PDB file of N, CA and C in Angstrom:
ATOM      1  N   MET A   1       0.853  -1.177   0.000  1.00  0.00           N
ATOM      2  CA  MET A   1       0.000   0.000   0.000  1.00  0.00           C
ATOM      3  C   MET A   1       0.898   1.239   0.000  1.00  0.00           C
ATOM      4  N   ASP A   2       0.564   2.149  -0.793  1.00  0.00           N
ATOM      5  CA  ASP A   2       1.366   3.372  -0.865  1.00  0.00           C
ATOM      6  C   ASP A   2       1.219   4.175   0.430  1.00  0.00           C
ATOM      7  N   GLU A   3       2.254   4.901   0.783  1.00  0.00           N
ATOM      8  CA  GLU A   3       2.317   5.597   2.078  1.00  0.00           C
ATOM      9  C   GLU A   3       1.170   6.582   2.284  1.00  0.00           C
ATOM     10  N   LEU A   4       0.770   7.288   1.232  1.00  0.00           N
ATOM     11  CA  LEU A   4      -0.323   8.250   1.343  1.00  0.00           C
ATOM     12  C   LEU A   4      -1.627   7.543   1.700  1.00  0.00           C
ATOM     13  N   LEU A   5      -1.911   6.411   1.044  1.00  0.00           N
ATOM     14  CA  LEU A   5      -3.132   5.663   1.340  1.00  0.00           C
ATOM     15  C   LEU A   5      -3.097   5.110   2.763  1.00  0.00           C
ATOM     16  N   LYS A   6      -1.939   4.628   3.185  1.00  0.00           N
ATOM     17  CA  LYS A   6      -1.806   4.120   4.551  1.00  0.00           C
ATOM     18  C   LYS A   6      -2.052   5.241   5.555  1.00  0.00           C
ATOM     19  N   PHE A   7      -1.473   6.411   5.292  1.00  0.00           N
ATOM     20  CA  PHE A   7      -1.671   7.553   6.184  1.00  0.00           C
ATOM     21  C   PHE A   7      -3.142   7.949   6.240  1.00  0.00           C
ATOM     22  N   GLN A   8      -3.813   7.964   5.097  1.00  0.00           N
ATOM     23  CA  GLN A   8      -5.233   8.319   5.065  1.00  0.00           C
ATOM     24  C   GLN A   8      -6.073   7.298   5.836  1.00  0.00           C
ATOM     25  N   LYS A   9      -5.732   6.016   5.680  1.00  0.00           N
ATOM     26  CA  LYS A   9      -6.447   4.981   6.421  1.00  0.00           C
ATOM     27  C   LYS A   9      -6.213   5.140   7.923  1.00  0.00           C
ATOM     28  N   ASP A  10      -4.975   5.412   8.305  1.00  0.00           N
ATOM     29  CA  ASP A  10      -4.659   5.638   9.722  1.00  0.00           C
ATOM     30  C   ASP A  10      -5.442   6.817  10.279  1.00  0.00           C
ATOM     31  N   GLN A  11      -5.602   7.865   9.488  1.00  0.00           N
ATOM     32  CA  GLN A  11      -6.364   9.033   9.935  1.00  0.00           C
ATOM     33  C   GLN A  11      -7.819   8.665  10.197  1.00  0.00           C
ATOM     34  N   GLU A  12      -8.397   7.869   9.315  1.00  0.00           N
ATOM     35  CA  GLU A  12      -9.787   7.455   9.499  1.00  0.00           C
ATOM     36  C   GLU A  12      -9.943   6.598  10.755  1.00  0.00           C
ATOM     37  N   VAL A  13      -9.002   5.700  10.976  1.00  0.00           N
ATOM     38  CA  VAL A  13      -9.030   4.863  12.174  1.00  0.00           C
ATOM     39  C   VAL A  13      -8.913   5.744  13.420  1.00  0.00           C
ATOM     40  N   PHE A  14      -8.012   6.712  13.372  1.00  0.00           N
ATOM     41  CA  PHE A  14      -7.809   7.596  14.516  1.00  0.00           C
ATOM     42  C   PHE A  14      -9.069   8.398  14.827  1.00  0.00           C
ATOM     43  N   LYS A  15      -9.779   8.883  13.808  1.00  0.00           N
ATOM     44  CA  LYS A  15     -11.017   9.635  14.025  1.00  0.00           C
ATOM     45  C   LYS A  15     -12.054   8.779  14.745  1.00  0.00           C
ATOM     46  N   VAL A  16     -12.144   7.532  14.345  1.00  0.00           N
ATOM     47  CA  VAL A  16     -13.090   6.619  14.991  1.00  0.00           C
ATOM     48  C   VAL A  16     -12.670   6.361  16.440  1.00  0.00           C
ATOM     49  N   LEU A  17     -11.374   6.154  16.646  1.00  0.00           N
ATOM     50  CA  LEU A  17     -10.876   5.913  17.997  1.00  0.00           C
ATOM     51  C   LEU A  17     -11.131   7.110  18.911  1.00  0.00           C
ATOM     52  N   LEU A  18     -10.888   8.308  18.411  1.00  0.00           N
ATOM     53  CA  LEU A  18     -11.134   9.500  19.234  1.00  0.00           C
ATOM     54  C   LEU A  18     -12.588   9.559  19.689  1.00  0.00           C
ATOM     55  N   ALA A  19     -13.504   9.341  18.756  1.00  0.00           N
ATOM     56  CA  ALA A  19     -14.932   9.366  19.109  1.00  0.00           C
ATOM     57  C   ALA A  19     -15.236   8.290  20.151  1.00  0.00           C
ATOM     58  N   HIS A  20     -14.675   7.114  19.957  1.00  0.00           N
ATOM     59  CA  HIS A  20     -14.895   6.013  20.914  1.00  0.00           C
ATOM     60  C   HIS A  20     -14.349   6.380  22.292  1.00  0.00           C
ATOM     61  N   TRP A  21     -13.140   6.900  22.330  1.00  0.00           N
ATOM     62  CA  TRP A  21     -12.525   7.257  23.616  1.00  0.00           C
ATOM     63  C   TRP A  21     -13.348   8.307  24.344  1.00  0.00           C
ATOM     64  N   ILE A  22     -13.841   9.303  23.607  1.00  0.00           N
ATOM     65  CA  ILE A  22     -14.648  10.366  24.214  1.00  0.00           C
ATOM     66  C   ILE A  22     -15.927   9.782  24.803  1.00  0.00           C
ATOM     67  N   ASN A  23     -16.623   8.982  24.010  1.00  0.00           N
ATOM     68  CA  ASN A  23     -17.885   8.399  24.479  1.00  0.00           C
ATOM     69  C   ASN A  23     -17.663   7.404  25.611  1.00  0.00           C
ATOM     70  N   HIS A  24     -16.658   6.585  25.477  1.00  0.00           N
ATOM     71  CA  HIS A  24     -16.405   5.560  26.480  1.00  0.00           C
ATOM     72  C   HIS A  24     -15.953   6.172  27.810  1.00  0.00           C
ATOM     73  N   SER A  25     -15.198   7.255  27.738  1.00  0.00           N
ATOM     74  CA  SER A  25     -14.777   7.895  28.984  1.00  0.00           C
ATOM     75  C   SER A  25     -15.984   8.455  29.738  1.00  0.00           C
ATOM     76  N   ALA A  26     -16.988   8.920  28.998  1.00  0.00           N
ATOM     77  CA  ALA A  26     -18.210   9.412  29.645  1.00  0.00           C
ATOM     78  C   ALA A  26     -18.907   8.276  30.397  1.00  0.00           C
ATOM     79  N   ASP A  27     -18.905   7.086  29.804  1.00  0.00           N
ATOM     80  CA  ASP A  27     -19.499   5.927  30.483  1.00  0.00           C
ATOM     81  C   ASP A  27     -18.761   5.618  31.782  1.00  0.00           C
ATOM     82  N   HIS A  28     -17.448   5.676  31.743  1.00  0.00           N
ATOM     83  CA  HIS A  28     -16.659   5.418  32.942  1.00  0.00           C
ATOM     84  C   HIS A  28     -16.945   6.471  34.015  1.00  0.00           C
ATOM     85  N   ILE A  29     -17.009   7.719  33.610  1.00  0.00           N
ATOM     86  CA  ILE A  29     -17.273   8.800  34.565  1.00  0.00           C
ATOM     87  C   ILE A  29     -18.607   8.559  35.270  1.00  0.00           C
ATOM     88  N   GLU A  30     -19.622   8.141  34.525  1.00  0.00           N
ATOM     89  CA  GLU A  30     -20.929   7.862  35.127  1.00  0.00           C
ATOM     90  C   GLU A  30     -20.818   6.757  36.177  1.00  0.00           C
ATOM     91  N   GLY A  31     -20.091   5.703  35.848  1.00  0.00           N
ATOM     92  CA  GLY A  31     -19.917   4.607  36.796  1.00  0.00           C
ATOM     93  C   GLY A  31     -19.154   5.034  38.036  1.00  0.00           C
ATOM     94  N   TYR A  32     -18.117   5.832  37.829  1.00  0.00           N
ATOM     95  CA  TYR A  32     -17.340   6.331  38.966  1.00  0.00           C
ATOM     96  C   TYR A  32     -18.222   7.178  39.876  1.00  0.00           C
ATOM     97  N   ALA A  33     -19.026   8.051  39.271  1.00  0.00           N
ATOM     98  CA  ALA A  33     -19.882   8.955  40.050  1.00  0.00           C
ATOM     99  C   ALA A  33     -20.895   8.169  40.873  1.00  0.00           C
ATOM    100  N   GLU A  34     -21.413   7.102  40.288  1.00  0.00           N
ATOM    101  CA  GLU A  34     -22.376   6.267  41.009  1.00  0.00           C
ATOM    102  C   GLU A  34     -21.737   5.692  42.274  1.00  0.00           C
ATOM    103  N   TRP A  35     -20.531   5.160  42.138  1.00  0.00           N
ATOM    104  CA  TRP A  35     -19.859   4.580  43.303  1.00  0.00           C
ATOM    105  C   TRP A  35     -19.381   5.646  44.277  1.00  0.00           C
ATOM    106  N   MET A  36     -18.995   6.792  43.759  1.00  0.00           N
ATOM    107  CA  MET A  36     -18.588   7.887  44.634  1.00  0.00           C
ATOM    108  C   MET A  36     -19.745   8.249  45.568  1.00  0.00           C
ATOM    109  N   GLU A  37     -20.943   8.351  45.012  1.00  0.00           N
ATOM    110  CA  GLU A  37     -22.116   8.703  45.809  1.00  0.00           C
ATOM    111  C   GLU A  37     -22.465   7.610  46.814  1.00  0.00           C
ATOM    112  N   LYS A  38     -22.343   6.355  46.399  1.00  0.00           N
ATOM    113  CA  LYS A  38     -22.647   5.253  47.309  1.00  0.00           C
ATOM    114  C   LYS A  38     -21.711   5.244  48.513  1.00  0.00           C
ATOM    115  N   LEU A  39     -20.463   5.630  48.307  1.00  0.00           N
ATOM    116  CA  LEU A  39     -19.465   5.573  49.364  1.00  0.00           C
ATOM    117  C   LEU A  39     -19.374   6.847  50.200  1.00  0.00           C
ATOM    118  N   LYS A  40     -19.897   7.938  49.652  1.00  0.00           N
ATOM    119  CA  LYS A  40     -19.819   9.234  50.327  1.00  0.00           C
ATOM    120  C   LYS A  40     -20.511   9.183  51.683  1.00  0.00           C
ATOM    121  N   GLY A  41     -19.838   9.713  52.692  1.00  0.00           N
ATOM    122  CA  GLY A  41     -20.421   9.799  54.026  1.00  0.00           C
ATOM    123  C   GLY A  41     -20.356   8.503  54.821  1.00  0.00           C
ATOM    124  N   SER A  42     -19.792   7.477  54.226  1.00  0.00           N
ATOM    125  CA  SER A  42     -19.667   6.201  54.938  1.00  0.00           C
ATOM    126  C   SER A  42     -18.253   6.075  55.502  1.00  0.00           C
ATOM    127  N   SER A  43     -17.951   4.909  56.008  1.00  0.00           N
ATOM    128  CA  SER A  43     -16.584   4.671  56.488  1.00  0.00           C
ATOM    129  C   SER A  43     -15.591   4.679  55.320  1.00  0.00           C
ATOM    130  N   MET A  44     -16.113   4.678  54.113  1.00  0.00           N
ATOM    131  CA  MET A  44     -15.286   4.711  52.903  1.00  0.00           C
ATOM    132  C   MET A  44     -15.282   6.098  52.265  1.00  0.00           C
ATOM    133  N   ASP A  45     -15.510   7.122  53.074  1.00  0.00           N
ATOM    134  CA  ASP A  45     -15.567   8.486  52.543  1.00  0.00           C
ATOM    135  C   ASP A  45     -14.250   8.891  51.871  1.00  0.00           C
ATOM    136  N   ALA A  46     -13.127   8.436  52.406  1.00  0.00           N
ATOM    137  CA  ALA A  46     -11.834   8.764  51.794  1.00  0.00           C
ATOM    138  C   ALA A  46     -11.740   8.175  50.390  1.00  0.00           C
ATOM    139  N   VAL A  47     -12.313   6.993  50.210  1.00  0.00           N
ATOM    140  CA  VAL A  47     -12.346   6.368  48.885  1.00  0.00           C
ATOM    141  C   VAL A  47     -13.209   7.211  47.951  1.00  0.00           C
ATOM    142  N   SER A  48     -14.348   7.654  48.452  1.00  0.00           N
ATOM    143  CA  SER A  48     -15.254   8.500  47.676  1.00  0.00           C
ATOM    144  C   SER A  48     -14.550   9.776  47.209  1.00  0.00           C
ATOM    145  N   GLN A  49     -13.760  10.353  48.104  1.00  0.00           N
ATOM    146  CA  GLN A  49     -13.031  11.583  47.759  1.00  0.00           C
ATOM    147  C   GLN A  49     -11.988  11.323  46.675  1.00  0.00           C
ATOM    148  N   GLU A  50     -11.337  10.188  46.728  1.00  0.00           N
ATOM    149  CA  GLU A  50     -10.349   9.845  45.698  1.00  0.00           C
ATOM    150  C   GLU A  50     -11.026   9.618  44.350  1.00  0.00           C
ATOM    151  N   ILE A  51     -12.193   8.997  44.397  1.00  0.00           N
ATOM    152  CA  ILE A  51     -12.944   8.792  43.156  1.00  0.00           C
ATOM    153  C   ILE A  51     -13.370  10.142  42.583  1.00  0.00           C
ATOM    154  N   ALA A  52     -13.752  11.071  43.440  1.00  0.00           N
ATOM    155  CA  ALA A  52     -14.121  12.417  42.978  1.00  0.00           C
ATOM    156  C   ALA A  52     -12.941  13.069  42.260  1.00  0.00           C
ATOM    157  N   LEU A  53     -11.754  12.906  42.797  1.00  0.00           N
ATOM    158  CA  LEU A  53     -10.559  13.456  42.137  1.00  0.00           C
ATOM    159  C   LEU A  53     -10.308  12.766  40.794  1.00  0.00           C
ATOM    160  N   ALA A  54     -10.523  11.469  40.754  1.00  0.00           N
ATOM    161  CA  ALA A  54     -10.358  10.726  39.499  1.00  0.00           C
ATOM    162  C   ALA A  54     -11.351  11.219  38.450  1.00  0.00           C
ATOM    163  N   ILE A  55     -12.573  11.494  38.887  1.00  0.00           N
ATOM    164  CA  ILE A  55     -13.598  12.008  37.968  1.00  0.00           C
ATOM    165  C   ILE A  55     -13.145  13.341  37.377  1.00  0.00           C
ATOM    166  N   GLU A  56     -12.619  14.219  38.223  1.00  0.00           N
ATOM    167  CA  GLU A  56     -12.127  15.515  37.728  1.00  0.00           C
ATOM    168  C   GLU A  56     -11.060  15.314  36.649  1.00  0.00           C
ATOM    169  N   LYS A  57     -10.139  14.403  36.898  1.00  0.00           N
ATOM    170  CA  LYS A  57      -9.065  14.138  35.924  1.00  0.00           C
ATOM    171  C   LYS A  57      -9.619  13.532  34.641  1.00  0.00           C
ATOM    172  N   MET A  58     -10.586  12.637  34.780  1.00  0.00           N
ATOM    173  CA  MET A  58     -11.197  12.021  33.600  1.00  0.00           C
ATOM    174  C   MET A  58     -11.938  13.070  32.765  1.00  0.00           C
ATOM    175  N   GLU A  59     -12.629  13.983  33.443  1.00  0.00           N
ATOM    176  CA  GLU A  59     -13.340  15.043  32.717  1.00  0.00           C
ATOM    177  C   GLU A  59     -12.350  15.954  31.992  1.00  0.00           C
ATOM    178  N   GLU A  60     -11.228  16.243  32.643  1.00  0.00           N
ATOM    179  CA  GLU A  60     -10.187  17.053  32.004  1.00  0.00           C
ATOM    180  C   GLU A  60      -9.621  16.316  30.790  1.00  0.00           C
ATOM    181  N   SER A  61      -9.374  15.045  30.956  1.00  0.00           N
ATOM    182  CA  SER A  61      -8.864  14.222  29.859  1.00  0.00           C
ATOM    183  C   SER A  61      -9.857  14.208  28.694  1.00  0.00           C
ATOM    184  N   ARG A  62     -11.127  14.066  29.018  1.00  0.00           N
ATOM    185  CA  ARG A  62     -12.172  14.040  27.989  1.00  0.00           C
ATOM    186  C   ARG A  62     -12.213  15.366  27.213  1.00  0.00           C
ATOM    187  N   LYS A  63     -12.041  16.479  27.923  1.00  0.00           N
ATOM    188  CA  LYS A  63     -12.013  17.782  27.252  1.00  0.00           C
ATOM    189  C   LYS A  63     -10.847  17.865  26.267  1.00  0.00           C
ATOM    190  N   HIS A  64      -9.704  17.338  26.663  1.00  0.00           N
ATOM    191  CA  HIS A  64      -8.534  17.343  25.777  1.00  0.00           C
ATOM    192  C   HIS A  64      -8.760  16.446  24.563  1.00  0.00           C
ATOM    193  N   LEU A  65      -9.409  15.313  24.772  1.00  0.00           N
ATOM    194  CA  LEU A  65      -9.737  14.440  23.640  1.00  0.00           C
ATOM    195  C   LEU A  65     -10.683  15.139  22.674  1.00  0.00           C
ATOM    196  N   MET A  66     -11.663  15.847  23.212  1.00  0.00           N
ATOM    197  CA  MET A  66     -12.606  16.582  22.350  1.00  0.00           C
ATOM    198  C   MET A  66     -11.880  17.675  21.579  1.00  0.00           C
ATOM    199  N   LYS A  67     -10.967  18.367  22.245  1.00  0.00           N
ATOM    200  CA  LYS A  67     -10.197  19.403  21.571  1.00  0.00           C
ATOM    201  C   LYS A  67      -9.333  18.781  20.468  1.00  0.00           C
ATOM    202  N   ALA A  68      -8.735  17.640  20.761  1.00  0.00           N
ATOM    203  CA  ALA A  68      -7.931  16.945  19.748  1.00  0.00           C
ATOM    204  C   ALA A  68      -8.785  16.574  18.547  1.00  0.00           C
ATOM    205  N   LYS A  69     -10.013  16.134  18.802  1.00  0.00           N
ATOM    206  CA  LYS A  69     -10.922  15.769  17.699  1.00  0.00           C
ATOM    207  C   LYS A  69     -11.226  16.994  16.833  1.00  0.00           C
ATOM    208  N   ILE A  70     -11.466  18.127  17.463  1.00  0.00           N
ATOM    209  CA  ILE A  70     -11.754  19.365  16.714  1.00  0.00           C
ATOM    210  C   ILE A  70     -10.542  19.772  15.888  1.00  0.00           C
ATOM    211  N   LEU A  71      -9.366  19.708  16.502  1.00  0.00           N
ATOM    212  CA  LEU A  71      -8.146  20.116  15.801  1.00  0.00           C
ATOM    213  C   LEU A  71      -7.768  19.157  14.669  1.00  0.00           C
ATOM    214  N   PHE A  72      -8.143  17.896  14.821  1.00  0.00           N
ATOM    215  CA  PHE A  72      -7.796  16.897  13.835  1.00  0.00           C
ATOM    216  C   PHE A  72      -8.643  17.083  12.590  1.00  0.00           C
TER     217      PHE A  72
END
């Protein structure tokens, strides 16, 4: 396969992957939030707080993925 065609195919694959990563990360965030709420205020409150921090990082990551998709 000529290099240009391979590059074009790779670009199409990457576009699909970006969309998948963005959507799939939203699913993970929802699951994390559900468990964060279940654990909040219990003896596992420290775990809940760590999950809240993870959610913040995941949301930041998702924003960067969306920006990458726009720029691509």
